[in-house]
């Protein structure tokens, strides 16, 4: 798996994912940058198709923060080979990871397909709720850090 930075030639779908995901989440470029641990100019470069994430780990963080399917994000960011087929996705798993142990349990449970669909829908609800809580907590943390920095800048006599 190649994880180095690539040029804009292969980044069009990454740019689209980031722009649409950021807007859907209601984040500014600066807010997204703070949430994923990069500079705002990095987000700008992603969106302008000038750059792709340097690592698989960063790609996965961006996917989680924006609620993007991880396989789709990895593919769009070029972290799979150019000859690799598009990842096959079980239509029942839309928005879920097949690596999630709860999803694996649901898929192997001796229940009717209708019950399995209901269980998968419930899992989506659980994850969405947990993600919303995690993102709200991160946003609160970022805002408190920014407020601390601003208040520290305003205090006279404080060492820089």
N, C-alpha and C. Protein backbone atom coordinates (compact mmCIF):
# COMPACT_ATOMS: atom_id res chain seq x y z
N UNK A 1 0.85 -1.17 0.00
CA UNK A 1 0.00 0.00 0.00
C UNK A 1 0.90 1.23 0.00
N UNK A 2 0.68 2.14 -0.92
CA UNK A 2 1.47 3.36 -1.02
C UNK A 2 0.79 4.45 -0.20
N UNK A 3 1.57 5.10 0.68
CA UNK A 3 0.96 6.11 1.53
C UNK A 3 1.57 7.49 1.35
N UNK A 4 2.45 7.66 0.40
CA UNK A 4 3.06 8.97 0.19
C UNK A 4 2.08 9.95 -0.41
N UNK A 5 2.48 11.21 -0.46
CA UNK A 5 1.62 12.24 -1.01
C UNK A 5 1.63 12.16 -2.53
N UNK A 6 0.51 12.34 -3.12
CA UNK A 6 0.39 12.30 -4.56
C UNK A 6 -0.05 13.64 -5.09
N UNK A 7 0.12 13.81 -6.38
CA UNK A 7 -0.26 15.08 -6.99
C UNK A 7 -1.76 15.17 -7.19
N UNK A 8 -2.18 16.31 -7.69
CA UNK A 8 -3.60 16.58 -7.88
C UNK A 8 -4.24 15.68 -8.92
N UNK A 9 -3.46 15.06 -9.77
CA UNK A 9 -4.03 14.29 -10.86
C UNK A 9 -5.00 13.22 -10.39
N UNK A 10 -4.75 12.63 -9.22
CA UNK A 10 -5.61 11.55 -8.74
C UNK A 10 -6.46 11.97 -7.56
N UNK A 11 -6.53 13.25 -7.25
CA UNK A 11 -7.19 13.67 -6.02
C UNK A 11 -8.58 14.23 -6.19
N UNK A 12 -9.12 14.24 -7.40
CA UNK A 12 -10.43 14.85 -7.61
C UNK A 12 -11.51 14.32 -6.71
N UNK A 13 -11.59 13.00 -6.55
CA UNK A 13 -12.65 12.47 -5.71
C UNK A 13 -12.40 12.77 -4.23
N UNK A 14 -11.14 12.84 -3.81
CA UNK A 14 -10.83 13.22 -2.43
C UNK A 14 -11.30 14.65 -2.16
N UNK A 15 -11.00 15.54 -3.09
CA UNK A 15 -11.42 16.94 -2.94
C UNK A 15 -12.94 17.03 -2.79
N UNK A 16 -13.65 16.30 -3.61
CA UNK A 16 -15.11 16.32 -3.56
C UNK A 16 -15.61 15.78 -2.22
N UNK A 17 -15.04 14.67 -1.76
CA UNK A 17 -15.44 14.10 -0.47
C UNK A 17 -15.24 15.09 0.67
N UNK A 18 -14.09 15.76 0.67
CA UNK A 18 -13.79 16.68 1.76
C UNK A 18 -14.72 17.90 1.72
N UNK A 19 -14.87 18.50 0.54
CA UNK A 19 -15.73 19.68 0.42
C UNK A 19 -17.16 19.34 0.83
N UNK A 20 -17.71 18.29 0.26
CA UNK A 20 -19.10 17.93 0.56
C UNK A 20 -19.28 17.50 2.01
N UNK A 21 -18.33 16.71 2.51
CA UNK A 21 -18.42 16.26 3.90
C UNK A 21 -18.31 17.42 4.88
N UNK A 22 -17.40 18.34 4.61
CA UNK A 22 -17.21 19.50 5.49
C UNK A 22 -18.46 20.38 5.50
N UNK A 23 -18.99 20.62 4.33
CA UNK A 23 -20.20 21.46 4.24
C UNK A 23 -21.39 20.79 4.91
N UNK A 24 -21.53 19.48 4.69
CA UNK A 24 -22.64 18.73 5.30
C UNK A 24 -22.53 18.78 6.83
N UNK A 25 -21.30 18.74 7.34
CA UNK A 25 -21.09 18.78 8.78
C UNK A 25 -21.19 20.20 9.34
N UNK A 26 -21.17 21.20 8.45
CA UNK A 26 -21.26 22.59 8.90
C UNK A 26 -19.96 23.15 9.44
N UNK A 27 -18.83 22.60 8.99
CA UNK A 27 -17.53 23.04 9.47
C UNK A 27 -16.90 24.04 8.51
N UNK A 28 -16.15 24.97 9.07
CA UNK A 28 -15.28 25.81 8.26
C UNK A 28 -14.02 25.00 7.99
N UNK A 29 -13.19 25.47 7.07
CA UNK A 29 -11.91 24.80 6.84
C UNK A 29 -11.08 24.81 8.12
N UNK A 30 -11.11 25.92 8.83
CA UNK A 30 -10.34 26.05 10.07
C UNK A 30 -10.82 25.05 11.11
N UNK A 31 -12.12 24.90 11.27
CA UNK A 31 -12.69 23.97 12.26
C UNK A 31 -12.32 22.52 11.91
N UNK A 32 -12.47 22.15 10.63
CA UNK A 32 -12.09 20.80 10.23
C UNK A 32 -10.61 20.57 10.49
N UNK A 33 -9.78 21.54 10.15
CA UNK A 33 -8.34 21.41 10.38
C UNK A 33 -8.05 21.15 11.85
N UNK A 34 -8.70 21.90 12.73
CA UNK A 34 -8.48 21.73 14.17
C UNK A 34 -8.94 20.35 14.63
N UNK A 35 -10.06 19.88 14.10
CA UNK A 35 -10.60 18.59 14.52
C UNK A 35 -9.73 17.42 14.09
N UNK A 36 -9.05 17.55 12.94
CA UNK A 36 -8.24 16.42 12.45
C UNK A 36 -6.75 16.62 12.69
N UNK A 37 -6.36 17.80 13.23
CA UNK A 37 -4.97 18.01 13.60
C UNK A 37 -4.05 18.44 12.48
N UNK A 38 -4.56 19.22 11.54
CA UNK A 38 -3.72 19.75 10.47
C UNK A 38 -3.90 21.27 10.40
N UNK A 39 -3.09 21.92 9.60
CA UNK A 39 -3.22 23.35 9.38
C UNK A 39 -4.37 23.62 8.41
N UNK A 40 -5.00 24.79 8.54
CA UNK A 40 -6.11 25.15 7.66
C UNK A 40 -5.68 25.12 6.19
N UNK A 41 -4.45 25.48 5.91
CA UNK A 41 -4.00 25.47 4.51
C UNK A 41 -3.97 24.06 3.93
N UNK A 42 -3.79 23.07 4.80
CA UNK A 42 -3.83 21.68 4.32
C UNK A 42 -5.23 21.33 3.83
N UNK A 43 -6.23 21.72 4.60
CA UNK A 43 -7.62 21.47 4.18
C UNK A 43 -7.89 22.21 2.88
N UNK A 44 -7.43 23.43 2.78
CA UNK A 44 -7.62 24.22 1.55
C UNK A 44 -6.99 23.49 0.37
N UNK A 45 -5.78 22.96 0.55
CA UNK A 45 -5.10 22.24 -0.54
C UNK A 45 -5.85 20.96 -0.91
N UNK A 46 -6.40 20.26 0.09
CA UNK A 46 -7.20 19.08 -0.23
C UNK A 46 -8.38 19.46 -1.11
N UNK A 47 -9.03 20.53 -0.74
CA UNK A 47 -10.24 20.93 -1.47
C UNK A 47 -9.93 21.51 -2.85
N UNK A 48 -8.76 22.05 -3.02
CA UNK A 48 -8.38 22.63 -4.32
C UNK A 48 -7.66 21.60 -5.20
N UNK A 49 -7.64 20.36 -4.75
CA UNK A 49 -7.04 19.25 -5.49
C UNK A 49 -5.53 19.42 -5.68
N UNK A 50 -4.89 20.10 -4.75
CA UNK A 50 -3.44 20.27 -4.81
C UNK A 50 -2.71 19.24 -3.96
N UNK A 51 -3.43 18.53 -3.11
CA UNK A 51 -2.76 17.63 -2.17
C UNK A 51 -3.73 16.56 -1.66
N UNK A 52 -3.15 15.44 -1.26
CA UNK A 52 -3.90 14.34 -0.64
C UNK A 52 -3.31 14.10 0.74
N UNK A 53 -4.06 13.46 1.63
CA UNK A 53 -3.50 13.18 2.96
C UNK A 53 -2.26 12.30 2.85
N UNK A 54 -1.28 12.58 3.70
CA UNK A 54 0.00 11.87 3.64
C UNK A 54 -0.06 10.43 4.15
N UNK A 55 -0.98 10.16 5.06
CA UNK A 55 -1.00 8.84 5.68
C UNK A 55 -2.40 8.23 5.67
N UNK A 56 -2.42 6.94 5.79
CA UNK A 56 -3.68 6.21 5.92
C UNK A 56 -4.39 6.66 7.20
N UNK A 57 -3.61 6.83 8.27
CA UNK A 57 -4.20 7.21 9.56
C UNK A 57 -4.93 8.54 9.45
N UNK A 58 -4.30 9.53 8.81
CA UNK A 58 -4.94 10.84 8.66
C UNK A 58 -6.21 10.73 7.81
N UNK A 59 -6.14 9.93 6.77
CA UNK A 59 -7.32 9.72 5.92
C UNK A 59 -8.47 9.16 6.73
N UNK A 60 -8.18 8.20 7.60
CA UNK A 60 -9.22 7.59 8.43
C UNK A 60 -9.78 8.56 9.46
N UNK A 61 -8.94 9.43 10.00
CA UNK A 61 -9.42 10.45 10.94
C UNK A 61 -10.39 11.40 10.24
N UNK A 62 -10.00 11.86 9.05
CA UNK A 62 -10.87 12.76 8.29
C UNK A 62 -12.20 12.07 7.97
N UNK A 63 -12.13 10.81 7.56
CA UNK A 63 -13.35 10.06 7.24
C UNK A 63 -14.26 9.98 8.45
N UNK A 64 -13.70 9.70 9.62
CA UNK A 64 -14.51 9.57 10.83
C UNK A 64 -15.15 10.91 11.22
N UNK A 65 -14.35 11.97 11.19
CA UNK A 65 -14.87 13.29 11.58
C UNK A 65 -15.98 13.75 10.64
N UNK A 66 -15.83 13.44 9.34
CA UNK A 66 -16.82 13.88 8.35
C UNK A 66 -17.93 12.86 8.11
N UNK A 67 -17.83 11.70 8.74
CA UNK A 67 -18.87 10.69 8.55
C UNK A 67 -18.82 10.05 7.16
N UNK A 68 -17.63 9.94 6.61
CA UNK A 68 -17.42 9.36 5.28
C UNK A 68 -17.04 7.89 5.44
N UNK A 69 -17.54 7.03 4.56
CA UNK A 69 -17.16 5.63 4.56
C UNK A 69 -15.64 5.51 4.44
N UNK A 70 -15.02 4.74 5.32
CA UNK A 70 -13.56 4.65 5.35
C UNK A 70 -12.97 4.05 4.08
N UNK A 71 -13.60 3.02 3.54
CA UNK A 71 -13.08 2.42 2.31
C UNK A 71 -13.13 3.41 1.16
N UNK A 72 -14.22 4.14 1.08
CA UNK A 72 -14.36 5.15 0.04
C UNK A 72 -13.30 6.23 0.20
N UNK A 73 -13.06 6.68 1.42
CA UNK A 73 -12.05 7.71 1.68
C UNK A 73 -10.66 7.21 1.31
N UNK A 74 -10.32 6.00 1.71
CA UNK A 74 -9.01 5.44 1.38
C UNK A 74 -8.80 5.34 -0.13
N UNK A 75 -9.83 4.92 -0.81
CA UNK A 75 -9.75 4.81 -2.27
C UNK A 75 -9.58 6.19 -2.90
N UNK A 76 -10.39 7.15 -2.46
CA UNK A 76 -10.34 8.50 -3.03
C UNK A 76 -9.00 9.17 -2.75
N UNK A 77 -8.40 8.86 -1.60
CA UNK A 77 -7.12 9.47 -1.24
C UNK A 77 -5.93 8.75 -1.86
N UNK A 78 -6.20 7.70 -2.62
CA UNK A 78 -5.13 7.00 -3.30
C UNK A 78 -4.34 6.05 -2.43
N UNK A 79 -4.91 5.62 -1.33
CA UNK A 79 -4.20 4.70 -0.45
C UNK A 79 -4.42 3.24 -0.80
N UNK A 80 -4.97 3.01 -1.96
CA UNK A 80 -5.04 1.67 -2.54
C UNK A 80 -4.46 1.79 -3.93
N UNK A 81 -3.94 0.73 -4.45
CA UNK A 81 -3.29 0.77 -5.75
C UNK A 81 -4.24 1.19 -6.86
N UNK A 82 -3.70 1.78 -7.94
CA UNK A 82 -4.55 2.25 -9.03
C UNK A 82 -5.28 1.12 -9.74
N UNK A 83 -4.74 -0.10 -9.67
CA UNK A 83 -5.38 -1.23 -10.33
C UNK A 83 -6.34 -1.97 -9.40
N UNK A 84 -6.42 -1.53 -8.17
CA UNK A 84 -7.31 -2.21 -7.22
C UNK A 84 -8.75 -1.93 -7.61
N UNK A 85 -9.58 -2.95 -7.54
CA UNK A 85 -11.00 -2.72 -7.86
C UNK A 85 -11.65 -1.86 -6.80
N UNK A 86 -12.72 -1.23 -7.19
CA UNK A 86 -13.50 -0.46 -6.22
C UNK A 86 -13.91 -1.44 -5.12
N UNK A 87 -13.87 -0.98 -3.88
CA UNK A 87 -14.25 -1.91 -2.82
C UNK A 87 -15.70 -2.36 -2.97
N UNK A 88 -15.90 -3.68 -2.81
CA UNK A 88 -17.26 -4.21 -2.87
C UNK A 88 -17.95 -3.90 -1.56
N UNK A 89 -19.15 -3.42 -1.66
CA UNK A 89 -19.88 -3.05 -0.46
C UNK A 89 -21.20 -3.80 -0.44
N UNK A 90 -21.41 -4.52 0.65
CA UNK A 90 -22.68 -5.20 0.86
C UNK A 90 -23.73 -4.10 1.03
N UNK A 91 -24.76 -4.06 0.20
CA UNK A 91 -25.74 -2.98 0.29
C UNK A 91 -26.40 -2.87 1.67
N UNK A 92 -26.45 -3.96 2.41
CA UNK A 92 -27.03 -3.92 3.75
C UNK A 92 -26.17 -3.13 4.72
N UNK A 93 -24.87 -2.96 4.37
CA UNK A 93 -23.93 -2.35 5.29
C UNK A 93 -23.69 -0.87 5.03
N UNK A 94 -24.54 -0.24 4.26
CA UNK A 94 -24.35 1.18 3.97
C UNK A 94 -24.19 1.96 5.27
N UNK A 95 -23.04 2.67 5.38
CA UNK A 95 -22.77 3.46 6.58
C UNK A 95 -22.21 2.67 7.75
N UNK A 96 -21.96 1.38 7.54
CA UNK A 96 -21.42 0.53 8.60
C UNK A 96 -20.12 -0.10 8.14
N UNK A 97 -19.28 -0.45 9.08
CA UNK A 97 -18.04 -1.13 8.77
C UNK A 97 -18.21 -2.63 8.95
N UNK A 98 -17.80 -3.42 7.96
CA UNK A 98 -17.89 -4.87 8.14
C UNK A 98 -16.91 -5.38 9.21
N UNK A 99 -15.96 -4.51 9.63
CA UNK A 99 -15.01 -4.89 10.68
C UNK A 99 -15.55 -4.63 12.08
N UNK A 100 -16.67 -3.95 12.19
CA UNK A 100 -17.30 -3.66 13.47
C UNK A 100 -17.77 -5.00 14.06
N UNK A 101 -17.31 -5.34 15.28
CA UNK A 101 -17.71 -6.63 15.86
C UNK A 101 -19.22 -6.76 16.06
N UNK A 102 -19.90 -5.66 16.32
CA UNK A 102 -21.35 -5.73 16.49
C UNK A 102 -22.00 -6.05 15.14
N UNK A 103 -21.51 -5.43 14.08
CA UNK A 103 -22.04 -5.71 12.73
C UNK A 103 -21.78 -7.17 12.36
N UNK A 104 -20.58 -7.66 12.65
CA UNK A 104 -20.27 -9.07 12.36
C UNK A 104 -21.22 -9.99 13.11
N UNK A 105 -21.51 -9.64 14.36
CA UNK A 105 -22.45 -10.45 15.15
C UNK A 105 -23.84 -10.43 14.51
N UNK A 106 -24.28 -9.23 14.11
CA UNK A 106 -25.60 -9.12 13.49
C UNK A 106 -25.67 -9.95 12.22
N UNK A 107 -24.62 -9.90 11.41
CA UNK A 107 -24.62 -10.64 10.15
C UNK A 107 -24.63 -12.15 10.36
N UNK A 108 -24.07 -12.60 11.48
CA UNK A 108 -24.02 -14.05 11.73
C UNK A 108 -25.14 -14.53 12.65
N UNK A 109 -25.93 -13.63 13.17
CA UNK A 109 -27.00 -14.02 14.11
C UNK A 109 -28.06 -14.85 13.40
N UNK A 110 -28.59 -15.86 14.09
CA UNK A 110 -29.64 -16.71 13.51
C UNK A 110 -31.01 -16.04 13.61
N UNK A 111 -31.20 -15.02 12.79
CA UNK A 111 -32.46 -14.26 12.79
C UNK A 111 -32.94 -14.11 11.34
N UNK A 112 -34.16 -13.68 11.20
CA UNK A 112 -34.70 -13.46 9.85
C UNK A 112 -34.01 -12.26 9.21
N UNK A 113 -34.07 -12.17 7.90
CA UNK A 113 -33.47 -11.02 7.20
C UNK A 113 -34.13 -9.72 7.63
N UNK A 114 -35.42 -9.75 7.88
CA UNK A 114 -36.11 -8.54 8.34
C UNK A 114 -35.57 -8.09 9.69
N UNK A 115 -35.37 -9.03 10.61
CA UNK A 115 -34.81 -8.70 11.92
C UNK A 115 -33.38 -8.20 11.77
N UNK A 116 -32.62 -8.81 10.87
CA UNK A 116 -31.24 -8.39 10.62
C UNK A 116 -31.23 -6.94 10.12
N UNK A 117 -32.13 -6.59 9.21
CA UNK A 117 -32.23 -5.21 8.71
C UNK A 117 -32.52 -4.25 9.86
N UNK A 118 -33.45 -4.64 10.73
CA UNK A 118 -33.79 -3.79 11.88
C UNK A 118 -32.59 -3.61 12.81
N UNK A 119 -31.87 -4.70 13.02
CA UNK A 119 -30.68 -4.64 13.89
C UNK A 119 -29.60 -3.75 13.28
N UNK A 120 -29.41 -3.86 11.97
CA UNK A 120 -28.41 -3.01 11.30
C UNK A 120 -28.83 -1.54 11.35
N UNK A 121 -30.12 -1.27 11.18
CA UNK A 121 -30.61 0.11 11.29
C UNK A 121 -30.36 0.65 12.70
N UNK A 122 -30.60 -0.19 13.69
CA UNK A 122 -30.37 0.24 15.08
C UNK A 122 -28.89 0.53 15.30
N UNK A 123 -28.03 -0.29 14.73
CA UNK A 123 -26.58 -0.07 14.88
C UNK A 123 -26.18 1.27 14.26
N UNK A 124 -26.76 1.58 13.09
CA UNK A 124 -26.48 2.88 12.45
C UNK A 124 -26.87 4.03 13.39
N UNK A 125 -28.03 3.89 14.03
CA UNK A 125 -28.49 4.92 14.97
C UNK A 125 -27.53 5.05 16.14
N UNK A 126 -27.08 3.93 16.67
CA UNK A 126 -26.14 3.95 17.80
C UNK A 126 -24.85 4.67 17.41
N UNK A 127 -24.31 4.31 16.26
CA UNK A 127 -23.05 4.91 15.81
C UNK A 127 -23.21 6.39 15.52
N UNK A 128 -24.31 6.77 14.91
CA UNK A 128 -24.54 8.19 14.61
C UNK A 128 -24.62 8.98 15.91
N UNK A 129 -25.29 8.44 16.89
CA UNK A 129 -25.40 9.11 18.19
C UNK A 129 -24.03 9.24 18.85
N UNK A 130 -23.26 8.16 18.83
CA UNK A 130 -21.93 8.17 19.44
C UNK A 130 -21.02 9.14 18.70
N UNK A 131 -21.06 9.13 17.36
CA UNK A 131 -20.24 10.05 16.58
C UNK A 131 -20.61 11.49 16.87
N UNK A 132 -21.90 11.76 16.97
CA UNK A 132 -22.34 13.13 17.27
C UNK A 132 -21.82 13.57 18.63
N UNK A 133 -21.84 12.68 19.61
CA UNK A 133 -21.32 13.00 20.93
C UNK A 133 -19.81 13.24 20.87
N UNK A 134 -19.09 12.37 20.16
CA UNK A 134 -17.64 12.52 20.04
C UNK A 134 -17.27 13.84 19.36
N UNK A 135 -17.98 14.18 18.31
CA UNK A 135 -17.68 15.41 17.57
C UNK A 135 -18.02 16.63 18.43
N UNK A 136 -19.13 16.58 19.14
CA UNK A 136 -19.49 17.70 20.02
C UNK A 136 -18.43 17.88 21.11
N UNK A 137 -17.95 16.79 21.64
CA UNK A 137 -16.90 16.86 22.66
C UNK A 137 -15.62 17.45 22.08
N UNK A 138 -15.25 17.02 20.89
CA UNK A 138 -14.06 17.58 20.23
C UNK A 138 -14.23 19.06 19.95
N UNK A 139 -15.40 19.44 19.45
CA UNK A 139 -15.66 20.85 19.16
C UNK A 139 -15.55 21.69 20.43
N UNK A 140 -16.12 21.19 21.53
CA UNK A 140 -16.04 21.89 22.79
C UNK A 140 -14.59 22.05 23.21
N UNK A 141 -13.81 20.98 23.08
CA UNK A 141 -12.40 21.01 23.45
C UNK A 141 -11.64 22.03 22.60
N UNK A 142 -11.87 22.02 21.28
CA UNK A 142 -11.19 22.96 20.38
C UNK A 142 -11.55 24.40 20.76
N UNK A 143 -12.83 24.65 20.99
CA UNK A 143 -13.27 25.99 21.34
C UNK A 143 -12.68 26.43 22.67
N UNK A 144 -12.58 25.52 23.64
CA UNK A 144 -11.99 25.90 24.93
C UNK A 144 -10.49 26.17 24.77
N UNK A 145 -9.81 25.39 23.91
CA UNK A 145 -8.40 25.64 23.66
C UNK A 145 -8.19 26.98 22.98
N UNK A 146 -9.06 27.28 22.00
CA UNK A 146 -8.96 28.57 21.30
C UNK A 146 -9.22 29.72 22.27
N UNK A 147 -10.20 29.57 23.16
CA UNK A 147 -10.51 30.62 24.14
C UNK A 147 -9.35 30.80 25.10
N UNK A 148 -8.74 29.70 25.51
CA UNK A 148 -7.58 29.77 26.39
C UNK A 148 -6.43 30.52 25.72
N UNK A 149 -6.19 30.20 24.45
CA UNK A 149 -5.12 30.87 23.71
C UNK A 149 -5.40 32.35 23.59
N UNK A 150 -6.63 32.71 23.26
CA UNK A 150 -6.99 34.12 23.11
C UNK A 150 -6.86 34.86 24.43
N UNK A 151 -7.31 34.24 25.52
CA UNK A 151 -7.22 34.92 26.81
C UNK A 151 -5.76 35.04 27.25
N UNK A 152 -4.94 34.07 26.89
CA UNK A 152 -3.52 34.12 27.20
C UNK A 152 -2.82 35.20 26.42
N UNK A 153 -3.26 35.45 25.19
CA UNK A 153 -2.66 36.50 24.35
C UNK A 153 -3.00 37.87 24.86
N UNK A 154 -4.15 38.01 25.53
CA UNK A 154 -4.61 39.33 25.97
C UNK A 154 -4.04 39.75 27.32
N UNK A 155 -3.55 38.81 28.09
CA UNK A 155 -3.08 39.13 29.43
C UNK A 155 -1.71 39.81 29.36
N UNK A 156 -1.63 41.03 29.89
CA UNK A 156 -0.34 41.74 29.86
C UNK A 156 0.66 41.08 30.80
N UNK A 157 1.92 41.14 30.40
CA UNK A 157 2.99 40.62 31.22
C UNK A 157 3.17 39.14 31.16
N UNK A 158 2.38 38.46 30.38
CA UNK A 158 2.49 37.02 30.26
C UNK A 158 3.52 36.68 29.19
N UNK A 159 4.41 35.75 29.49
CA UNK A 159 5.45 35.37 28.53
C UNK A 159 4.86 34.65 27.36
N UNK A 160 5.40 34.92 26.17
CA UNK A 160 4.89 34.29 24.96
C UNK A 160 5.54 32.96 24.73
